[in-house]
Amino acid sequence: MPSLGGATGWLDSEPLDSAELRGRVVLVNFWTLTCINWLRQEPYVRAWSEGYRDDGLIVIGVHTPEFGFEHELERVRQATKAMAIDYPIALDNDYAVWSAFDNHYWPALYFVDRDGIIRDQHFGEGRYEESKRVIQRLLGVEREFVPVEGAGIEAEADWENLETPETYLGRARGERRADESPEHLRSNHWALTGDWTVGRENVVLDEAGGSIAVRFHARDAHLVLSPGAHDSIPFRVRLDGEAPARSHGVDVDEDGNGVLRDGRLYQLVREHEAVRERTLEITFLGPGAEAYAFTFG
């Protein structure tokens, strides 16, 4: 197994290295706290850790940050607590472990046998039944496993109705930005209203009242946000110009009100009725909001 020695810190464990893990079956899971694909995968990894721990499985999460604010230890600690993660987490702020595994994806699973040899790997969501069988084969056990079903933000995407791709907002990877009012947006395009600064990886609101609108087709709509130097920033969400009502996400009430307090992924919409193309607009009632990427499900 490639070295874990490049980790910049550890949560819920003393530093672990490849040599002392010999004799154990290891599942290495690369993740970053704002990744919706990881959030939807995590219930399975958590269940495998709990269900096969006594058989000799050790799960090691490797948190390799995508965005700048994800380097902060306390944010990672909050994420592990919120997700009820109790297995060791290697902090990979310098991408040393990522590079040692020659990894390129979030999430990524590496299945390591008792001799330290990677026997299987999987990138992205899905393939859960096969991954479970790989773990059982490496452990030498065979039994039925309680089905896993994610809830809330961890719920599986509505793949049949998911037509809008992940959309980055910063200068480095931003695309499909339009200079149009929300009511005239084309499918899968987005626009800014108000006084914004466009940075390399995000857009930052300079004055209160600015908004971001996106035209999307999906059951769920999420936005990666950070309050920056501010403690909290209230915001308001509208769907096709109206309060979301029963189609509000977990971070918004029926009237469309929410508060940006932490750097993380916010679920703004979960469509309660038939999935169709809609326009989402989020307006921030204070300055300083940092927005990074829309994701959908």
C-alpha atoms as a PDB file:
ATOM      1  CA  MET A   1       0.000   0.000   0.000  1.00  0.00           C
ATOM      2  CA  PRO A   2       1.346   3.470  -0.799  1.00  0.00           C
ATOM      3  CA  SER A   3       2.598   5.534   2.109  1.00  0.00           C
ATOM      4  CA  LEU A   4       0.341   7.566   4.374  1.00  0.00           C
ATOM      5  CA  GLY A   5       3.389   9.360   5.750  1.00  0.00           C
ATOM      6  CA  GLY A   6       2.640  12.583   3.894  1.00  0.00           C
ATOM      7  CA  ALA A   7      -0.511  13.277   5.928  1.00  0.00           C
ATOM      8  CA  THR A   8      -0.439  16.698   7.579  1.00  0.00           C
ATOM      9  CA  GLY A   9      -2.409  15.451  10.584  1.00  0.00           C
ATOM     10  CA  TRP A  10      -4.868  12.836  11.834  1.00  0.00           C
ATOM     11  CA  LEU A  11      -8.316  12.793  13.409  1.00  0.00           C
ATOM     12  CA  ASP A  12      -9.547   9.989  15.702  1.00  0.00           C
ATOM     13  CA  SER A  13      -6.210   8.179  15.469  1.00  0.00           C
ATOM     14  CA  GLU A  14      -2.497   8.354  16.022  1.00  0.00           C
ATOM     15  CA  PRO A  15      -0.587   8.491  12.711  1.00  0.00           C
ATOM     16  CA  LEU A  16      -0.809   5.205  10.834  1.00  0.00           C
ATOM     17  CA  ASP A  17       1.666   3.865   8.322  1.00  0.00           C
ATOM     18  CA  SER A  18       1.587   1.090   5.759  1.00  0.00           C
ATOM     19  CA  ALA A  19       3.886  -1.212   7.712  1.00  0.00           C
ATOM     20  CA  GLU A  20       1.772  -1.323  10.874  1.00  0.00           C
ATOM     21  CA  LEU A  21      -1.360  -1.956   8.802  1.00  0.00           C
ATOM     22  CA  ARG A  22       0.039  -5.220   7.425  1.00  0.00           C
ATOM     23  CA  GLY A  23      -2.197  -8.070   8.463  1.00  0.00           C
ATOM     24  CA  ARG A  24      -5.315  -5.896   8.280  1.00  0.00           C
ATOM     25  CA  VAL A  25      -7.716  -5.447   5.388  1.00  0.00           C
ATOM     26  CA  VAL A  26      -7.784  -1.718   4.686  1.00  0.00           C
ATOM     27  CA  LEU A  27     -10.307   0.401   2.810  1.00  0.00           C
ATOM     28  CA  VAL A  28      -8.856   3.806   1.910  1.00  0.00           C
ATOM     29  CA  ASN A  29     -11.472   6.431   1.069  1.00  0.00           C
ATOM     30  CA  PHE A  30     -10.430   9.746  -0.500  1.00  0.00           C
ATOM     31  CA  TRP A  31     -12.954  12.518   0.151  1.00  0.00           C
ATOM     32  CA  THR A  32     -13.458  16.232   0.564  1.00  0.00           C
ATOM     33  CA  LEU A  33     -16.162  17.668   2.785  1.00  0.00           C
ATOM     34  CA  THR A  34     -18.072  19.629   0.099  1.00  0.00           C
ATOM     35  CA  CYS A  35     -18.286  16.785  -2.433  1.00  0.00           C
ATOM     36  CA  ILE A  36     -21.902  15.701  -3.006  1.00  0.00           C
ATOM     37  CA  ASN A  37     -20.724  12.409  -4.502  1.00  0.00           C
ATOM     38  CA  TRP A  38     -18.847  11.615  -1.296  1.00  0.00           C
ATOM     39  CA  LEU A  39     -21.789  12.689   0.866  1.00  0.00           C
ATOM     40  CA  ARG A  40     -24.059  10.247  -0.976  1.00  0.00           C
ATOM     41  CA  GLN A  41     -21.454   7.460  -0.796  1.00  0.00           C
ATOM     42  CA  GLU A  42     -20.580   7.891   2.874  1.00  0.00           C
ATOM     43  CA  PRO A  43     -23.543   5.941   4.391  1.00  0.00           C
ATOM     44  CA  TYR A  44     -22.171   2.814   2.713  1.00  0.00           C
ATOM     45  CA  VAL A  45     -18.581   3.355   3.856  1.00  0.00           C
ATOM     46  CA  ARG A  46     -19.804   4.077   7.374  1.00  0.00           C
ATOM     47  CA  ALA A  47     -21.875   0.881   7.372  1.00  0.00           C
ATOM     48  CA  TRP A  48     -18.950  -1.207   6.102  1.00  0.00           C
ATOM     49  CA  SER A  49     -16.687   0.213   8.800  1.00  0.00           C
ATOM     50  CA  GLU A  50     -19.187  -0.629  11.521  1.00  0.00           C
ATOM     51  CA  GLY A  51     -20.268  -3.976  10.065  1.00  0.00           C
ATOM     52  CA  TYR A  52     -16.839  -5.473   9.337  1.00  0.00           C
ATOM     53  CA  ARG A  53     -14.645  -3.882  12.020  1.00  0.00           C
ATOM     54  CA  ASP A  54     -14.720  -6.986  14.185  1.00  0.00           C
ATOM     55  CA  ASP A  55     -13.746  -9.087  11.148  1.00  0.00           C
ATOM     56  CA  GLY A  56     -10.518  -7.108  10.727  1.00  0.00           C
ATOM     57  CA  LEU A  57     -11.466  -4.266   8.389  1.00  0.00           C
ATOM     58  CA  ILE A  58     -10.039  -0.812   9.036  1.00  0.00           C
ATOM     59  CA  VAL A  59     -11.374   2.121   7.052  1.00  0.00           C
ATOM     60  CA  ILE A  60      -9.085   5.129   6.636  1.00  0.00           C
ATOM     61  CA  GLY A  61     -10.530   8.331   5.287  1.00  0.00           C
ATOM     62  CA  VAL A  62      -8.132  10.637   3.481  1.00  0.00           C
ATOM     63  CA  HIS A  63      -9.416  14.200   3.394  1.00  0.00           C
ATOM     64  CA  THR A  64      -7.805  15.939   0.421  1.00  0.00           C
ATOM     65  CA  PRO A  65      -9.314  19.446   0.111  1.00  0.00           C
ATOM     66  CA  GLU A  66     -10.678  20.761  -3.174  1.00  0.00           C
ATOM     67  CA  PHE A  67     -11.289  24.367  -2.095  1.00  0.00           C
ATOM     68  CA  GLY A  68      -9.126  26.652   0.025  1.00  0.00           C
ATOM     69  CA  PHE A  69     -11.379  26.799   3.088  1.00  0.00           C
ATOM     70  CA  GLU A  70     -11.444  22.986   3.281  1.00  0.00           C
ATOM     71  CA  HIS A  71      -7.855  23.048   4.566  1.00  0.00           C
ATOM     72  CA  GLU A  72      -9.086  24.209   7.964  1.00  0.00           C
ATOM     73  CA  LEU A  73      -8.874  21.475  10.589  1.00  0.00           C
ATOM     74  CA  GLU A  74     -11.963  22.566  12.492  1.00  0.00           C
ATOM     75  CA  ARG A  75     -14.142  22.409   9.368  1.00  0.00           C
ATOM     76  CA  VAL A  76     -13.024  18.822   8.734  1.00  0.00           C
ATOM     77  CA  ARG A  77     -13.627  17.954  12.378  1.00  0.00           C
ATOM     78  CA  GLN A  78     -17.154  19.404  12.161  1.00  0.00           C
ATOM     79  CA  ALA A  79     -17.844  17.398   9.005  1.00  0.00           C
ATOM     80  CA  THR A  80     -16.756  14.103  10.575  1.00  0.00           C
ATOM     81  CA  LYS A  81     -18.938  14.797  13.597  1.00  0.00           C
ATOM     82  CA  ALA A  82     -21.948  15.735  11.462  1.00  0.00           C
ATOM     83  CA  MET A  83     -21.537  12.547   9.400  1.00  0.00           C
ATOM     84  CA  ALA A  84     -20.995  10.331  12.496  1.00  0.00           C
ATOM     85  CA  ILE A  85     -17.604   9.176  11.199  1.00  0.00           C
ATOM     86  CA  ASP A  86     -15.607   7.305  13.806  1.00  0.00           C
ATOM     87  CA  TYR A  87     -12.816   5.786  11.715  1.00  0.00           C
ATOM     88  CA  PRO A  88      -9.336   7.364  11.327  1.00  0.00           C
ATOM     89  CA  ILE A  89      -9.014  10.395   9.062  1.00  0.00           C
ATOM     90  CA  ALA A  90      -5.705  11.393   7.476  1.00  0.00           C
ATOM     91  CA  LEU A  91      -5.531  15.096   6.643  1.00  0.00           C
ATOM     92  CA  ASP A  92      -3.925  15.491   3.232  1.00  0.00           C
ATOM     93  CA  ASN A  93      -3.624  19.258   2.842  1.00  0.00           C
ATOM     94  CA  ASP A  94      -0.430  18.962   0.771  1.00  0.00           C
ATOM     95  CA  TYR A  95      -1.849  16.252  -1.543  1.00  0.00           C
ATOM     96  CA  ALA A  96       1.046  13.954  -0.579  1.00  0.00           C
ATOM     97  CA  VAL A  97      -1.140  10.901   0.074  1.00  0.00           C
ATOM     98  CA  TRP A  98      -3.227  11.709  -3.019  1.00  0.00           C
ATOM     99  CA  SER A  99      -0.014  11.714  -5.081  1.00  0.00           C
ATOM    100  CA  ALA A 100       1.321   8.545  -3.440  1.00  0.00           C
ATOM    101  CA  PHE A 101      -1.827   6.714  -4.583  1.00  0.00           C
ATOM    102  CA  ASP A 102      -1.779   8.545  -7.932  1.00  0.00           C
ATOM    103  CA  ASN A 103      -5.393   9.378  -7.223  1.00  0.00           C
ATOM    104  CA  HIS A 104      -7.465  11.753  -9.348  1.00  0.00           C
ATOM    105  CA  TYR A 105     -11.007  11.564  -7.956  1.00  0.00           C
ATOM    106  CA  TRP A 106     -13.380  12.328  -5.089  1.00  0.00           C
ATOM    107  CA  PRO A 107     -14.577   9.963  -3.807  1.00  0.00           C
ATOM    108  CA  ALA A 108     -12.157   7.121  -4.466  1.00  0.00           C
ATOM    109  CA  LEU A 109     -11.996   3.715  -2.768  1.00  0.00           C
ATOM    110  CA  TYR A 110      -8.895   1.519  -2.601  1.00  0.00           C
ATOM    111  CA  PHE A 111      -9.287  -2.045  -1.275  1.00  0.00           C
ATOM    112  CA  VAL A 112      -6.055  -3.320   0.296  1.00  0.00           C
ATOM    113  CA  ASP A 113      -5.424  -6.930   1.347  1.00  0.00           C
ATOM    114  CA  ARG A 114      -3.583  -8.187   4.423  1.00  0.00           C
ATOM    115  CA  ASP A 115      -0.269  -8.131   2.528  1.00  0.00           C
ATOM    116  CA  GLY A 116      -0.644  -4.445   1.713  1.00  0.00           C
ATOM    117  CA  ILE A 117      -1.533  -4.994  -1.945  1.00  0.00           C
ATOM    118  CA  ILE A 118      -4.288  -2.956  -3.585  1.00  0.00           C
ATOM    119  CA  ARG A 119      -6.691  -5.570  -4.941  1.00  0.00           C
ATOM    120  CA  ASP A 120      -9.471  -3.324  -6.237  1.00  0.00           C
ATOM    121  CA  GLN A 121     -10.427   0.317  -6.640  1.00  0.00           C
ATOM    122  CA  HIS A 122     -13.522   2.299  -7.482  1.00  0.00           C
ATOM    123  CA  PHE A 123     -14.059   5.946  -8.332  1.00  0.00           C
ATOM    124  CA  GLY A 124     -17.274   7.882  -7.756  1.00  0.00           C
ATOM    125  CA  GLU A 125     -20.609   6.673  -6.470  1.00  0.00           C
ATOM    126  CA  GLY A 126     -22.319   3.347  -7.021  1.00  0.00           C
ATOM    127  CA  ARG A 127     -21.146  -0.259  -7.341  1.00  0.00           C
ATOM    128  CA  TYR A 128     -21.952  -0.775  -3.667  1.00  0.00           C
ATOM    129  CA  GLU A 129     -22.920  -4.433  -3.852  1.00  0.00           C
ATOM    130  CA  GLU A 130     -19.716  -5.351  -5.672  1.00  0.00           C
ATOM    131  CA  SER A 131     -17.618  -3.312  -3.235  1.00  0.00           C
ATOM    132  CA  LYS A 132     -19.231  -5.145  -0.331  1.00  0.00           C
ATOM    133  CA  ARG A 133     -18.343  -8.458  -1.956  1.00  0.00           C
ATOM    134  CA  VAL A 134     -14.728  -7.338  -2.422  1.00  0.00           C
ATOM    135  CA  ILE A 135     -14.494  -6.508   1.281  1.00  0.00           C
ATOM    136  CA  GLN A 136     -15.989  -9.868   2.259  1.00  0.00           C
ATOM    137  CA  ARG A 137     -13.638 -11.740  -0.051  1.00  0.00           C
ATOM    138  CA  LEU A 138     -10.562  -9.993   1.364  1.00  0.00           C
ATOM    139  CA  LEU A 139     -11.762 -10.685   4.921  1.00  0.00           C
ATOM    140  CA  GLY A 140     -12.746 -14.259   4.183  1.00  0.00           C
ATOM    141  CA  VAL A 141     -16.315 -13.821   5.408  1.00  0.00           C
ATOM    142  CA  GLU A 142     -19.667 -14.274   3.739  1.00  0.00           C
ATOM    143  CA  ARG A 143     -22.988 -13.108   5.116  1.00  0.00           C
ATOM    144  CA  GLU A 144     -25.989 -11.004   4.327  1.00  0.00           C
ATOM    145  CA  PHE A 145     -25.651  -7.343   5.086  1.00  0.00           C
ATOM    146  CA  VAL A 146     -28.319  -4.914   6.235  1.00  0.00           C
ATOM    147  CA  PRO A 147     -29.339  -2.698   3.277  1.00  0.00           C
ATOM    148  CA  VAL A 148     -28.099   0.877   3.397  1.00  0.00           C
ATOM    149  CA  GLU A 149     -30.267   3.845   2.470  1.00  0.00           C
ATOM    150  CA  GLY A 150     -29.060   7.418   2.739  1.00  0.00           C
ATOM    151  CA  ALA A 151     -31.405  10.083   4.101  1.00  0.00           C
ATOM    152  CA  GLY A 152     -31.499  13.839   3.706  1.00  0.00           C
ATOM    153  CA  ILE A 153     -28.482  15.144   1.847  1.00  0.00           C
ATOM    154  CA  GLU A 154     -27.061  11.584   1.771  1.00  0.00           C
ATOM    155  CA  ALA A 155     -29.986  10.247  -0.277  1.00  0.00           C
ATOM    156  CA  GLU A 156     -29.135   8.719  -3.648  1.00  0.00           C
ATOM    157  CA  ALA A 157     -29.513  11.068  -6.600  1.00  0.00           C
ATOM    158  CA  ASP A 158     -32.543  10.873  -8.871  1.00  0.00           C
ATOM    159  CA  TRP A 159     -30.371   9.773 -11.776  1.00  0.00           C
ATOM    160  CA  GLU A 160     -33.214   9.463 -14.289  1.00  0.00           C
ATOM    161  CA  ASN A 161     -34.074  13.132 -13.912  1.00  0.00           C
ATOM    162  CA  LEU A 162     -30.598  14.555 -13.393  1.00  0.00           C
ATOM    163  CA  GLU A 163     -29.808  16.649 -16.465  1.00  0.00           C
ATOM    164  CA  THR A 164     -27.686  19.500 -15.106  1.00  0.00           C
ATOM    165  CA  PRO A 165     -23.948  18.937 -14.495  1.00  0.00           C
ATOM    166  CA  GLU A 166     -21.789  20.216 -11.664  1.00  0.00           C
ATOM    167  CA  THR A 167     -21.190  23.911 -12.262  1.00  0.00           C
ATOM    168  CA  TYR A 168     -18.125  25.766 -10.953  1.00  0.00           C
ATOM    169  CA  LEU A 169     -18.361  29.524 -10.461  1.00  0.00           C
ATOM    170  CA  GLY A 170     -14.744  30.641 -10.117  1.00  0.00           C
ATOM    171  CA  ARG A 171     -12.568  31.911 -12.942  1.00  0.00           C
ATOM    172  CA  ALA A 172     -10.405  28.777 -13.184  1.00  0.00           C
ATOM    173  CA  ARG A 173     -13.192  26.310 -13.996  1.00  0.00           C
ATOM    174  CA  GLY A 174     -16.300  28.433 -14.415  1.00  0.00           C
ATOM    175  CA  GLU A 175     -18.437  27.849 -17.477  1.00  0.00           C
ATOM    176  CA  ARG A 176     -21.929  28.528 -18.814  1.00  0.00           C
ATOM    177  CA  ARG A 177     -22.129  31.923 -17.119  1.00  0.00           C
ATOM    178  CA  ALA A 178     -24.696  34.194 -18.790  1.00  0.00           C
ATOM    179  CA  ASP A 179     -25.250  37.955 -18.752  1.00  0.00           C
ATOM    180  CA  GLU A 180     -29.007  37.575 -18.481  1.00  0.00           C
ATOM    181  CA  SER A 181     -31.731  38.171 -15.931  1.00  0.00           C
ATOM    182  CA  PRO A 182     -32.919  35.058 -14.033  1.00  0.00           C
ATOM    183  CA  GLU A 183     -36.170  34.802 -15.997  1.00  0.00           C
ATOM    184  CA  HIS A 184     -34.274  34.603 -19.307  1.00  0.00           C
ATOM    185  CA  LEU A 185     -31.617  32.045 -18.367  1.00  0.00           C
ATOM    186  CA  ARG A 186     -31.033  29.140 -20.741  1.00  0.00           C
ATOM    187  CA  SER A 187     -30.841  25.544 -19.541  1.00  0.00           C
ATOM    188  CA  ASN A 188     -27.823  24.819 -17.310  1.00  0.00           C
ATOM    189  CA  HIS A 189     -26.639  28.438 -17.339  1.00  0.00           C
ATOM    190  CA  TRP A 190     -26.128  30.763 -14.373  1.00  0.00           C
ATOM    191  CA  ALA A 191     -25.834  34.494 -13.748  1.00  0.00           C
ATOM    192  CA  LEU A 192     -24.811  37.001 -11.102  1.00  0.00           C
ATOM    193  CA  THR A 193     -26.779  40.045 -10.020  1.00  0.00           C
ATOM    194  CA  GLY A 194     -25.177  42.724  -7.856  1.00  0.00           C
ATOM    195  CA  ASP A 195     -21.592  43.617  -6.992  1.00  0.00           C
ATOM    196  CA  TRP A 196     -19.402  40.505  -7.070  1.00  0.00           C
ATOM    197  CA  THR A 197     -15.673  39.809  -7.299  1.00  0.00           C
ATOM    198  CA  VAL A 198     -14.838  36.788  -9.441  1.00  0.00           C
ATOM    199  CA  GLY A 199     -11.858  34.926  -8.001  1.00  0.00           C
ATOM    200  CA  ARG A 200      -9.941  31.891  -9.149  1.00  0.00           C
ATOM    201  CA  GLU A 201     -12.127  29.351  -7.327  1.00  0.00           C
ATOM    202  CA  ASN A 202     -15.147  31.364  -6.184  1.00  0.00           C
ATOM    203  CA  VAL A 203     -17.279  34.469  -6.519  1.00  0.00           C
ATOM    204  CA  VAL A 204     -17.425  36.811  -3.512  1.00  0.00           C
ATOM    205  CA  LEU A 205     -20.259  39.231  -2.803  1.00  0.00           C
ATOM    206  CA  ASP A 206     -19.047  42.782  -2.153  1.00  0.00           C
ATOM    207  CA  GLU A 207     -22.361  44.388  -1.182  1.00  0.00           C
ATOM    208  CA  ALA A 208     -25.549  43.040   0.398  1.00  0.00           C
ATOM    209  CA  GLY A 209     -28.400  42.108  -1.901  1.00  0.00           C
ATOM    210  CA  GLY A 210     -26.453  40.290  -4.579  1.00  0.00           C
ATOM    211  CA  SER A 211     -27.812  37.047  -5.999  1.00  0.00           C
ATOM    212  CA  ILE A 212     -26.885  33.996  -8.058  1.00  0.00           C
ATOM    213  CA  ALA A 213     -29.414  32.341 -10.355  1.00  0.00           C
ATOM    214  CA  VAL A 214     -29.180  29.013 -12.181  1.00  0.00           C
ATOM    215  CA  ARG A 215     -31.532  27.244 -14.606  1.00  0.00           C
ATOM    216  CA  PHE A 216     -31.441  23.530 -13.770  1.00  0.00           C
ATOM    217  CA  HIS A 217     -33.199  20.202 -14.235  1.00  0.00           C
ATOM    218  CA  ALA A 218     -32.782  17.920 -11.193  1.00  0.00           C
ATOM    219  CA  ARG A 219     -34.543  16.874  -8.007  1.00  0.00           C
ATOM    220  CA  ASP A 220     -31.896  18.415  -5.735  1.00  0.00           C
ATOM    221  CA  ALA A 221     -29.868  21.605  -6.030  1.00  0.00           C
ATOM    222  CA  HIS A 222     -26.879  22.343  -3.793  1.00  0.00           C
ATOM    223  CA  LEU A 223     -24.378  25.176  -3.538  1.00  0.00           C
ATOM    224  CA  VAL A 224     -20.935  25.114  -1.902  1.00  0.00           C
ATOM    225  CA  LEU A 225     -20.719  28.249   0.249  1.00  0.00           C
ATOM    226  CA  SER A 226     -18.498  29.857   2.859  1.00  0.00           C
ATOM    227  CA  PRO A 227     -19.138  32.970   4.986  1.00  0.00           C
ATOM    228  CA  GLY A 228     -15.501  33.978   4.668  1.00  0.00           C
ATOM    229  CA  ALA A 229     -14.586  36.339   7.497  1.00  0.00           C
ATOM    230  CA  HIS A 230     -18.218  36.756   8.604  1.00  0.00           C
ATOM    231  CA  ASP A 231     -19.915  34.788  11.377  1.00  0.00           C
ATOM    232  CA  SER A 232     -23.229  34.438   9.553  1.00  0.00           C
ATOM    233  CA  ILE A 233     -24.970  35.739   6.438  1.00  0.00           C
ATOM    234  CA  PRO A 234     -28.733  35.298   5.978  1.00  0.00           C
ATOM    235  CA  PHE A 235     -29.981  34.352   2.520  1.00  0.00           C
ATOM    236  CA  ARG A 236     -33.244  33.860   0.661  1.00  0.00           C
ATOM    237  CA  VAL A 237     -34.063  31.239  -1.990  1.00  0.00           C
ATOM    238  CA  ARG A 238     -36.657  31.520  -4.737  1.00  0.00           C
ATOM    239  CA  LEU A 239     -37.830  28.873  -7.205  1.00  0.00           C
ATOM    240  CA  ASP A 240     -39.280  30.363 -10.390  1.00  0.00           C
ATOM    241  CA  GLY A 241     -39.700  33.591  -8.451  1.00  0.00           C
ATOM    242  CA  GLU A 242     -41.643  32.028  -5.569  1.00  0.00           C
ATOM    243  CA  ALA A 243     -40.802  30.658  -2.121  1.00  0.00           C
ATOM    244  CA  PRO A 244     -39.850  26.959  -2.441  1.00  0.00           C
ATOM    245  CA  ALA A 245     -42.608  25.775  -0.074  1.00  0.00           C
ATOM    246  CA  ARG A 246     -42.469  21.952   0.185  1.00  0.00           C
ATOM    247  CA  SER A 247     -39.588  21.823  -2.329  1.00  0.00           C
ATOM    248  CA  HIS A 248     -37.150  23.459   0.079  1.00  0.00           C
ATOM    249  CA  GLY A 249     -33.826  21.753   0.810  1.00  0.00           C
ATOM    250  CA  VAL A 250     -32.590  20.793   4.261  1.00  0.00           C
ATOM    251  CA  ASP A 251     -30.793  24.135   4.686  1.00  0.00           C
ATOM    252  CA  VAL A 252     -33.809  26.285   3.768  1.00  0.00           C
ATOM    253  CA  ASP A 253     -37.287  26.637   5.261  1.00  0.00           C
ATOM    254  CA  GLU A 254     -40.558  26.666   3.308  1.00  0.00           C
ATOM    255  CA  ASP A 255     -40.369  30.439   2.963  1.00  0.00           C
ATOM    256  CA  GLY A 256     -36.921  30.149   1.403  1.00  0.00           C
ATOM    257  CA  ASN A 257     -34.959  31.506   4.356  1.00  0.00           C
ATOM    258  CA  GLY A 258     -31.550  30.186   5.359  1.00  0.00           C
ATOM    259  CA  VAL A 259     -28.363  31.259   7.115  1.00  0.00           C
ATOM    260  CA  LEU A 260     -24.806  30.801   5.885  1.00  0.00           C
ATOM    261  CA  ARG A 261     -22.693  30.002   8.949  1.00  0.00           C
ATOM    262  CA  ASP A 262     -20.150  27.358   7.934  1.00  0.00           C
ATOM    263  CA  GLY A 263     -18.101  26.532   4.879  1.00  0.00           C
ATOM    264  CA  ARG A 264     -19.817  23.470   3.411  1.00  0.00           C
ATOM    265  CA  LEU A 265     -22.328  22.245   0.842  1.00  0.00           C
ATOM    266  CA  TYR A 266     -25.856  23.641   1.330  1.00  0.00           C
ATOM    267  CA  GLN A 267     -28.921  21.837   0.012  1.00  0.00           C
ATOM    268  CA  LEU A 268     -31.234  24.545  -1.307  1.00  0.00           C
ATOM    269  CA  VAL A 269     -33.850  22.524  -3.183  1.00  0.00           C
ATOM    270  CA  ARG A 270     -35.385  19.057  -2.998  1.00  0.00           C
ATOM    271  CA  GLU A 271     -38.228  18.968  -5.502  1.00  0.00           C
ATOM    272  CA  HIS A 272     -41.426  17.726  -3.878  1.00  0.00           C
ATOM    273  CA  GLU A 273     -43.416  17.456  -7.103  1.00  0.00           C
ATOM    274  CA  ALA A 274     -42.530  16.220 -10.591  1.00  0.00           C
ATOM    275  CA  VAL A 275     -38.945  17.082 -11.523  1.00  0.00           C
ATOM    276  CA  ARG A 276     -38.814  19.712 -14.248  1.00  0.00           C
ATOM    277  CA  GLU A 277     -36.629  22.570 -15.401  1.00  0.00           C
ATOM    278  CA  ARG A 278     -36.692  25.408 -12.896  1.00  0.00           C
ATOM    279  CA  THR A 279     -34.855  28.612 -12.036  1.00  0.00           C
ATOM    280  CA  LEU A 280     -33.222  28.841  -8.622  1.00  0.00           C
ATOM    281  CA  GLU A 281     -32.163  32.241  -7.294  1.00  0.00           C
ATOM    282  CA  ILE A 282     -30.336  32.738  -4.005  1.00  0.00           C
ATOM    283  CA  THR A 283     -30.015  36.275  -2.620  1.00  0.00           C
ATOM    284  CA  PHE A 284     -27.609  37.116   0.211  1.00  0.00           C
ATOM    285  CA  LEU A 285     -28.768  39.764   2.688  1.00  0.00           C
ATOM    286  CA  GLY A 286     -25.244  40.632   3.796  1.00  0.00           C
ATOM    287  CA  PRO A 287     -21.853  41.016   2.080  1.00  0.00           C
ATOM    288  CA  GLY A 288     -18.984  38.549   2.109  1.00  0.00           C
ATOM    289  CA  ALA A 289     -20.684  35.362   0.896  1.00  0.00           C
ATOM    290  CA  GLU A 290     -18.316  33.107  -1.042  1.00  0.00           C
ATOM    291  CA  ALA A 291     -19.883  30.742  -3.590  1.00  0.00           C
ATOM    292  CA  TYR A 292     -17.887  27.962  -5.246  1.00  0.00           C
ATOM    293  CA  ALA A 293     -19.973  25.425  -7.147  1.00  0.00           C
ATOM    294  CA  PHE A 294     -23.491  24.164  -7.797  1.00  0.00           C
ATOM    295  CA  THR A 295     -24.090  20.423  -7.655  1.00  0.00           C
ATOM    296  CA  PHE A 296     -27.293  18.528  -8.377  1.00  0.00           C
ATOM    297  CA  GLY A 297     -28.956  15.236  -7.574  1.00  0.00           C
END
